[in-house]
Amino acid sequence: MKLSELKKGDHAVILKIETDESLKSRLTSFGIARGVELSIEECSIGKKTMEILVDDTLIGLRVEEASTIEVSTI
């Protein structure tokens, strides 16, 4: 399942990030990496962006970026 498919309130663990190295590096700098638990805090109207909580840090992602992250719900 992709991160972009989750809804507000869902919790998940990151399994894989399938993107180019520049985006992967940026995501890693925010704490988004394999094995990390996260929760979906907000989704914009039209679901163009989403806000996730990783280690007490709120991170905004575009849905295109979230669709490159494979997760498993918990």
Protein backbone atom coordinates (compact mmCIF):
# COMPACT_ATOMS: atom_id res chain seq x y z
CA MET A 1 0.00 0.00 0.00
CA LYS A 2 1.21 3.52 -0.75
CA LEU A 3 1.34 6.32 1.81
CA SER A 4 -0.86 8.43 -0.48
CA GLU A 5 -3.71 5.89 -0.03
CA LEU A 6 -3.98 6.40 3.73
CA LYS A 7 -6.56 8.60 5.43
CA LYS A 8 -6.46 10.96 8.39
CA GLY A 9 -5.86 9.03 11.61
CA ASP A 10 -4.17 6.02 9.96
CA HIS A 11 -0.88 4.72 11.36
CA ALA A 12 1.75 2.92 9.29
CA VAL A 13 5.35 1.71 9.06
CA ILE A 14 7.50 2.61 6.05
CA LEU A 15 8.56 -0.45 4.05
CA LYS A 16 10.26 1.10 1.01
CA ILE A 17 10.88 4.43 -0.71
CA GLU A 18 10.96 4.16 -4.51
CA THR A 19 12.16 7.49 -5.90
CA ASP A 20 15.23 9.26 -7.24
CA GLU A 21 18.18 9.88 -4.92
CA SER A 22 17.56 13.63 -4.49
CA LEU A 23 14.02 13.15 -3.17
CA LYS A 24 15.06 10.13 -1.11
CA SER A 25 17.82 12.23 0.48
CA ARG A 26 15.38 15.04 1.27
CA LEU A 27 12.87 12.63 2.81
CA THR A 28 15.60 10.98 4.89
CA SER A 29 16.67 14.38 6.21
CA PHE A 30 13.13 14.77 7.60
CA GLY A 31 13.29 11.36 9.29
CA ILE A 32 11.29 9.50 6.65
CA ALA A 33 13.10 6.17 6.21
CA ARG A 34 12.45 2.44 6.14
CA GLY A 35 11.13 1.08 9.44
CA VAL A 36 9.85 4.43 10.74
CA GLU A 37 6.34 4.62 12.21
CA LEU A 38 4.13 7.53 11.18
CA SER A 39 0.57 8.77 11.39
CA ILE A 40 -1.56 10.80 9.01
CA GLU A 41 -2.57 14.05 10.71
CA GLU A 42 -4.30 15.99 7.91
CA CYS A 43 -5.17 15.76 4.21
CA SER A 44 -6.00 18.81 2.13
CA ILE A 45 -9.24 19.22 0.25
CA GLY A 46 -8.83 17.36 -3.00
CA LYS A 47 -6.02 15.39 -1.35
CA LYS A 48 -3.21 17.31 -3.08
CA THR A 49 -1.09 17.40 0.09
CA MET A 50 -0.94 15.54 3.38
CA GLU A 51 0.58 16.17 6.77
CA ILE A 52 2.29 13.27 8.54
CA LEU A 53 3.71 12.94 12.04
CA VAL A 54 7.14 11.32 12.30
CA ASP A 55 8.97 11.32 15.67
CA ASP A 56 7.06 14.35 17.00
CA THR A 57 7.71 16.30 13.77
CA LEU A 58 4.90 17.35 11.41
CA ILE A 59 5.91 17.03 7.75
CA GLY A 60 3.95 18.20 4.73
CA LEU A 61 4.14 16.04 1.60
CA ARG A 62 2.68 16.32 -1.86
CA VAL A 63 0.58 13.32 -2.85
CA GLU A 64 3.04 12.65 -5.71
CA GLU A 65 5.84 12.30 -3.12
CA ALA A 66 3.69 10.17 -0.81
CA SER A 67 2.89 7.81 -3.69
CA THR A 68 6.58 6.79 -3.83
CA ILE A 69 6.51 5.52 -0.24
CA GLU A 70 5.32 1.97 0.39
CA VAL A 71 3.83 1.38 3.85
CA SER A 72 2.13 -1.25 5.97
CA THR A 73 -0.68 -0.12 8.26
CA ILE A 74 -0.50 -0.81 11.99
